[in-house]
N, C-alpha and C. Protein backbone atom coordinates (compact mmCIF):
# COMPACT_ATOMS: atom_id res chain seq x y z
N UNK A 1 25.42 1.43 -23.14
CA UNK A 1 24.97 0.67 -21.99
C UNK A 1 23.61 1.16 -21.51
N UNK A 2 23.46 2.48 -21.40
CA UNK A 2 22.20 3.04 -20.93
C UNK A 2 21.09 2.77 -21.93
N UNK A 3 21.41 2.85 -23.22
CA UNK A 3 20.41 2.59 -24.25
C UNK A 3 19.96 1.13 -24.22
N UNK A 4 20.86 0.22 -23.91
CA UNK A 4 20.52 -1.19 -23.82
C UNK A 4 19.54 -1.44 -22.68
N UNK A 5 19.82 -0.83 -21.54
CA UNK A 5 18.92 -0.97 -20.39
C UNK A 5 17.57 -0.33 -20.70
N UNK A 6 17.58 0.82 -21.33
CA UNK A 6 16.34 1.51 -21.68
C UNK A 6 15.50 0.66 -22.64
N UNK A 7 16.15 0.03 -23.61
CA UNK A 7 15.44 -0.83 -24.55
C UNK A 7 14.85 -2.05 -23.86
N UNK A 8 15.58 -2.60 -22.90
CA UNK A 8 15.10 -3.78 -22.19
C UNK A 8 13.92 -3.44 -21.28
N UNK A 9 13.90 -2.25 -20.74
CA UNK A 9 12.84 -1.86 -19.81
C UNK A 9 11.67 -1.16 -20.49
N UNK A 10 11.74 -0.93 -21.78
CA UNK A 10 10.69 -0.18 -22.47
C UNK A 10 9.32 -0.83 -22.32
N UNK A 11 9.24 -2.14 -22.49
CA UNK A 11 7.96 -2.83 -22.36
C UNK A 11 7.42 -2.79 -20.95
N UNK A 12 8.29 -3.00 -19.99
CA UNK A 12 7.86 -2.96 -18.59
C UNK A 12 7.41 -1.56 -18.20
N UNK A 13 8.10 -0.54 -18.68
CA UNK A 13 7.70 0.83 -18.37
C UNK A 13 6.37 1.19 -19.03
N UNK A 14 6.13 0.66 -20.20
CA UNK A 14 4.85 0.89 -20.87
C UNK A 14 3.70 0.31 -20.05
N UNK A 15 3.87 -0.90 -19.57
CA UNK A 15 2.83 -1.53 -18.73
C UNK A 15 2.69 -0.79 -17.41
N UNK A 16 3.80 -0.34 -16.85
CA UNK A 16 3.75 0.40 -15.58
C UNK A 16 2.98 1.70 -15.75
N UNK A 17 3.25 2.44 -16.81
CA UNK A 17 2.50 3.68 -17.06
C UNK A 17 1.01 3.42 -17.23
N UNK A 18 0.68 2.36 -17.94
CA UNK A 18 -0.73 2.02 -18.14
C UNK A 18 -1.41 1.68 -16.82
N UNK A 19 -0.74 0.90 -15.99
CA UNK A 19 -1.32 0.51 -14.70
C UNK A 19 -1.50 1.73 -13.79
N UNK A 20 -0.53 2.61 -13.75
CA UNK A 20 -0.65 3.81 -12.92
C UNK A 20 -1.80 4.68 -13.41
N UNK A 21 -1.91 4.84 -14.70
CA UNK A 21 -3.01 5.62 -15.27
C UNK A 21 -4.36 4.98 -14.92
N UNK A 22 -4.47 3.67 -15.04
CA UNK A 22 -5.72 2.99 -14.71
C UNK A 22 -6.05 3.11 -13.22
N UNK A 23 -5.04 3.02 -12.38
CA UNK A 23 -5.28 3.10 -10.93
C UNK A 23 -5.74 4.49 -10.52
N UNK A 24 -5.19 5.51 -11.13
CA UNK A 24 -5.56 6.88 -10.75
C UNK A 24 -6.91 7.31 -11.31
N UNK A 25 -7.48 6.55 -12.20
CA UNK A 25 -8.80 6.86 -12.74
C UNK A 25 -9.94 6.28 -11.91
N UNK A 26 -9.68 5.26 -11.15
CA UNK A 26 -10.74 4.51 -10.47
C UNK A 26 -10.88 4.99 -9.03
N UNK A 27 -12.07 5.47 -8.67
CA UNK A 27 -12.29 5.97 -7.30
C UNK A 27 -12.26 4.84 -6.29
N UNK A 28 -12.54 3.60 -6.72
CA UNK A 28 -12.50 2.47 -5.79
C UNK A 28 -11.09 2.16 -5.35
N UNK A 29 -10.11 2.63 -6.07
CA UNK A 29 -8.72 2.48 -5.67
C UNK A 29 -8.26 3.71 -4.90
N UNK A 30 -8.63 4.88 -5.38
CA UNK A 30 -8.18 6.13 -4.75
C UNK A 30 -8.71 6.24 -3.32
N UNK A 31 -9.98 5.91 -3.10
CA UNK A 31 -10.57 6.05 -1.77
C UNK A 31 -9.85 5.21 -0.71
N UNK A 32 -9.64 3.90 -0.92
CA UNK A 32 -8.89 3.14 0.10
C UNK A 32 -7.46 3.64 0.29
N UNK A 33 -6.82 4.08 -0.81
CA UNK A 33 -5.46 4.58 -0.67
C UNK A 33 -5.42 5.84 0.19
N UNK A 34 -6.38 6.73 -0.02
CA UNK A 34 -6.43 7.95 0.79
C UNK A 34 -6.71 7.60 2.25
N UNK A 35 -7.65 6.70 2.48
CA UNK A 35 -7.97 6.30 3.85
C UNK A 35 -6.76 5.65 4.51
N UNK A 36 -6.10 4.74 3.81
CA UNK A 36 -4.96 4.03 4.40
C UNK A 36 -3.78 4.95 4.64
N UNK A 37 -3.59 5.96 3.80
CA UNK A 37 -2.41 6.80 3.95
C UNK A 37 -2.63 8.04 4.79
N UNK A 38 -3.87 8.49 4.94
CA UNK A 38 -4.12 9.71 5.71
C UNK A 38 -4.84 9.46 7.02
N UNK A 39 -5.91 8.70 6.98
CA UNK A 39 -6.74 8.53 8.17
C UNK A 39 -6.09 7.61 9.21
N UNK A 40 -5.65 6.43 8.80
CA UNK A 40 -5.13 5.48 9.76
C UNK A 40 -3.84 5.93 10.45
N UNK A 41 -2.88 6.54 9.76
CA UNK A 41 -1.73 7.06 10.50
C UNK A 41 -2.11 8.14 11.52
N UNK A 42 -3.07 8.98 11.17
CA UNK A 42 -3.56 9.98 12.13
C UNK A 42 -4.21 9.32 13.33
N UNK A 43 -5.00 8.29 13.07
CA UNK A 43 -5.63 7.53 14.16
C UNK A 43 -4.58 6.86 15.03
N UNK A 44 -3.54 6.31 14.41
CA UNK A 44 -2.49 5.67 15.18
C UNK A 44 -1.73 6.69 16.04
N UNK A 45 -1.49 7.87 15.49
CA UNK A 45 -0.81 8.92 16.25
C UNK A 45 -1.67 9.34 17.44
N UNK A 46 -2.96 9.51 17.22
CA UNK A 46 -3.89 9.87 18.29
C UNK A 46 -3.88 8.80 19.39
N UNK A 47 -3.93 7.53 18.99
CA UNK A 47 -3.93 6.43 19.95
C UNK A 47 -2.62 6.36 20.70
N UNK A 48 -1.50 6.56 20.01
CA UNK A 48 -0.20 6.51 20.68
C UNK A 48 -0.07 7.62 21.71
N UNK A 49 -0.57 8.81 21.40
CA UNK A 49 -0.54 9.90 22.37
C UNK A 49 -1.36 9.56 23.60
N UNK A 50 -2.52 8.94 23.40
CA UNK A 50 -3.37 8.56 24.53
C UNK A 50 -2.69 7.49 25.39
N UNK A 51 -2.01 6.54 24.76
CA UNK A 51 -1.33 5.49 25.52
C UNK A 51 -0.19 6.08 26.33
N UNK A 52 0.57 6.98 25.73
CA UNK A 52 1.67 7.62 26.45
C UNK A 52 1.13 8.43 27.63
N UNK A 53 0.04 9.15 27.41
CA UNK A 53 -0.59 9.89 28.50
C UNK A 53 -1.07 8.97 29.61
N UNK A 54 -1.64 7.83 29.25
CA UNK A 54 -2.11 6.86 30.25
C UNK A 54 -0.94 6.31 31.06
N UNK A 55 0.15 5.98 30.36
CA UNK A 55 1.33 5.43 31.05
C UNK A 55 1.91 6.47 31.99
N UNK A 56 1.99 7.73 31.57
CA UNK A 56 2.55 8.77 32.43
C UNK A 56 1.63 9.09 33.60
N UNK A 57 0.35 9.08 33.38
CA UNK A 57 -0.59 9.43 34.43
C UNK A 57 -0.70 8.35 35.50
N UNK A 58 -0.80 7.09 35.08
CA UNK A 58 -1.04 6.02 36.04
C UNK A 58 0.19 5.18 36.33
N UNK A 59 1.29 5.48 35.71
CA UNK A 59 2.52 4.75 35.98
C UNK A 59 2.41 3.28 35.60
N UNK A 60 1.98 3.02 34.40
CA UNK A 60 1.80 1.64 33.94
C UNK A 60 2.76 1.36 32.78
N UNK A 61 4.06 1.27 33.06
CA UNK A 61 5.01 1.07 31.96
C UNK A 61 4.86 -0.29 31.28
N UNK A 62 4.33 -1.27 32.00
CA UNK A 62 4.18 -2.60 31.39
C UNK A 62 3.19 -2.54 30.23
N UNK A 63 2.11 -1.78 30.40
CA UNK A 63 1.12 -1.66 29.33
C UNK A 63 1.76 -1.00 28.11
N UNK A 64 2.51 0.08 28.33
CA UNK A 64 3.18 0.76 27.23
C UNK A 64 4.17 -0.13 26.51
N UNK A 65 4.95 -0.90 27.28
CA UNK A 65 5.94 -1.79 26.67
C UNK A 65 5.28 -2.88 25.84
N UNK A 66 4.13 -3.33 26.27
CA UNK A 66 3.45 -4.40 25.54
C UNK A 66 2.72 -3.88 24.31
N UNK A 67 2.40 -2.60 24.27
CA UNK A 67 1.70 -2.05 23.11
C UNK A 67 2.65 -1.65 21.98
N UNK A 68 3.91 -1.40 22.29
CA UNK A 68 4.86 -0.96 21.27
C UNK A 68 4.97 -1.95 20.10
N UNK A 69 5.09 -3.27 20.35
CA UNK A 69 5.15 -4.18 19.19
C UNK A 69 3.90 -4.14 18.31
N UNK A 70 2.74 -3.94 18.92
CA UNK A 70 1.52 -3.87 18.12
C UNK A 70 1.50 -2.61 17.27
N UNK A 71 1.97 -1.50 17.82
CA UNK A 71 2.03 -0.27 17.03
C UNK A 71 3.00 -0.41 15.87
N UNK A 72 4.11 -1.10 16.10
CA UNK A 72 5.07 -1.33 15.01
C UNK A 72 4.47 -2.23 13.93
N UNK A 73 3.68 -3.22 14.33
CA UNK A 73 3.00 -4.06 13.34
C UNK A 73 2.04 -3.25 12.50
N UNK A 74 1.32 -2.35 13.13
CA UNK A 74 0.35 -1.53 12.41
C UNK A 74 1.07 -0.60 11.43
N UNK A 75 2.16 0.01 11.87
CA UNK A 75 2.92 0.90 10.99
C UNK A 75 3.46 0.13 9.79
N UNK A 76 3.91 -1.08 9.99
CA UNK A 76 4.41 -1.89 8.89
C UNK A 76 3.32 -2.40 7.98
N UNK A 77 2.10 -2.51 8.50
CA UNK A 77 1.00 -3.05 7.71
C UNK A 77 0.47 -2.05 6.69
N UNK A 78 0.53 -0.75 6.97
CA UNK A 78 -0.06 0.24 6.07
C UNK A 78 0.56 0.24 4.67
N UNK A 79 1.88 0.29 4.54
CA UNK A 79 2.43 0.26 3.17
C UNK A 79 2.11 -1.05 2.44
N UNK A 80 2.09 -2.14 3.18
CA UNK A 80 1.77 -3.43 2.56
C UNK A 80 0.33 -3.44 2.08
N UNK A 81 -0.57 -2.88 2.87
CA UNK A 81 -1.98 -2.91 2.49
C UNK A 81 -2.24 -2.03 1.26
N UNK A 82 -1.53 -0.93 1.13
CA UNK A 82 -1.68 -0.09 -0.07
C UNK A 82 -1.24 -0.88 -1.30
N UNK A 83 -0.12 -1.54 -1.22
CA UNK A 83 0.36 -2.35 -2.35
C UNK A 83 -0.60 -3.50 -2.64
N UNK A 84 -1.16 -4.07 -1.60
CA UNK A 84 -2.10 -5.18 -1.79
C UNK A 84 -3.36 -4.73 -2.51
N UNK A 85 -3.89 -3.57 -2.15
CA UNK A 85 -5.09 -3.05 -2.81
C UNK A 85 -4.82 -2.83 -4.29
N UNK A 86 -3.69 -2.24 -4.61
CA UNK A 86 -3.36 -1.97 -6.02
C UNK A 86 -3.17 -3.29 -6.78
N UNK A 87 -2.46 -4.24 -6.19
CA UNK A 87 -2.22 -5.51 -6.88
C UNK A 87 -3.52 -6.28 -7.09
N UNK A 88 -4.37 -6.32 -6.09
CA UNK A 88 -5.63 -7.04 -6.24
C UNK A 88 -6.52 -6.40 -7.29
N UNK A 89 -6.60 -5.09 -7.29
CA UNK A 89 -7.43 -4.41 -8.28
C UNK A 89 -6.89 -4.62 -9.68
N UNK A 90 -5.59 -4.60 -9.84
CA UNK A 90 -4.99 -4.83 -11.16
C UNK A 90 -5.32 -6.23 -11.66
N UNK A 91 -5.14 -7.20 -10.80
CA UNK A 91 -5.38 -8.59 -11.21
C UNK A 91 -6.85 -8.82 -11.53
N UNK A 92 -7.74 -8.36 -10.66
CA UNK A 92 -9.18 -8.55 -10.89
C UNK A 92 -9.63 -7.78 -12.13
N UNK A 93 -9.11 -6.57 -12.32
CA UNK A 93 -9.46 -5.79 -13.50
C UNK A 93 -9.05 -6.48 -14.79
N UNK A 94 -7.85 -7.03 -14.80
CA UNK A 94 -7.39 -7.74 -15.99
C UNK A 94 -8.22 -9.00 -16.22
N UNK A 95 -8.60 -9.66 -15.15
CA UNK A 95 -9.42 -10.87 -15.28
C UNK A 95 -10.80 -10.52 -15.83
N UNK A 96 -11.40 -9.42 -15.34
CA UNK A 96 -12.72 -9.01 -15.82
C UNK A 96 -12.68 -8.56 -17.28
N UNK A 97 -11.61 -7.91 -17.69
CA UNK A 97 -11.48 -7.45 -19.08
C UNK A 97 -11.01 -8.56 -20.01
N UNK A 98 -10.75 -9.72 -19.43
CA UNK A 98 -10.24 -10.89 -20.17
C UNK A 98 -8.94 -10.57 -20.90
N UNK A 99 -8.10 -9.79 -20.25
CA UNK A 99 -6.82 -9.46 -20.87
C UNK A 99 -5.64 -10.00 -20.07
N UNK A 100 -5.92 -10.84 -19.06
CA UNK A 100 -4.81 -11.34 -18.25
C UNK A 100 -4.04 -12.44 -18.98
N UNK A 101 -4.73 -13.26 -19.78
CA UNK A 101 -4.04 -14.33 -20.49
C UNK A 101 -3.01 -13.79 -21.47
N UNK A 102 -3.36 -12.78 -22.30
CA UNK A 102 -2.31 -12.24 -23.18
C UNK A 102 -1.16 -11.59 -22.40
N UNK A 103 -1.47 -10.95 -21.27
CA UNK A 103 -0.40 -10.34 -20.49
C UNK A 103 0.53 -11.40 -19.90
N UNK A 104 -0.05 -12.48 -19.40
CA UNK A 104 0.78 -13.53 -18.81
C UNK A 104 1.60 -14.28 -19.86
N UNK A 105 1.11 -14.33 -21.07
CA UNK A 105 1.85 -15.04 -22.11
C UNK A 105 2.84 -14.15 -22.86
N UNK A 106 2.85 -12.85 -22.54
CA UNK A 106 3.78 -11.95 -23.22
C UNK A 106 5.20 -12.17 -22.70
N UNK A 107 6.20 -11.85 -23.49
CA UNK A 107 7.58 -12.14 -23.10
C UNK A 107 8.18 -11.18 -22.08
N UNK A 108 7.43 -10.26 -21.54
CA UNK A 108 8.01 -9.30 -20.58
C UNK A 108 8.40 -9.97 -19.31
C-alpha cells in the first residue's frame, strides 16, 4: 500500500523538489519572503502594543475593538501573500523559460 502511494506521488515530489530548489536560488523570491515573514509581523506587534497602550492611557475601548478585525485580517494575509509570491514566480518563470506548456500537458 505504501509503495503504491509512493509510486503515485513520485512525479509530483520530483516537481516539488525542483520548485523548492529553484525558489531558494532566486534572491527575488527570498527577499520578499524574508520581509513578509520577519519584518511585517514585528511591525504588527509593535503597532498592536502601541494601540493597547493608547487604549489603556486614554480609555478608548471603541478604537481598540474596531482595530482587532483589521489586525486579524493582516495576520491572515501574511501566509497567503508568501504563497502568492511563490506561485506567481513559479508561473512567470515557467512562462519565460517556455516550459509551462509541457508541464501543463504532462499527466501529473
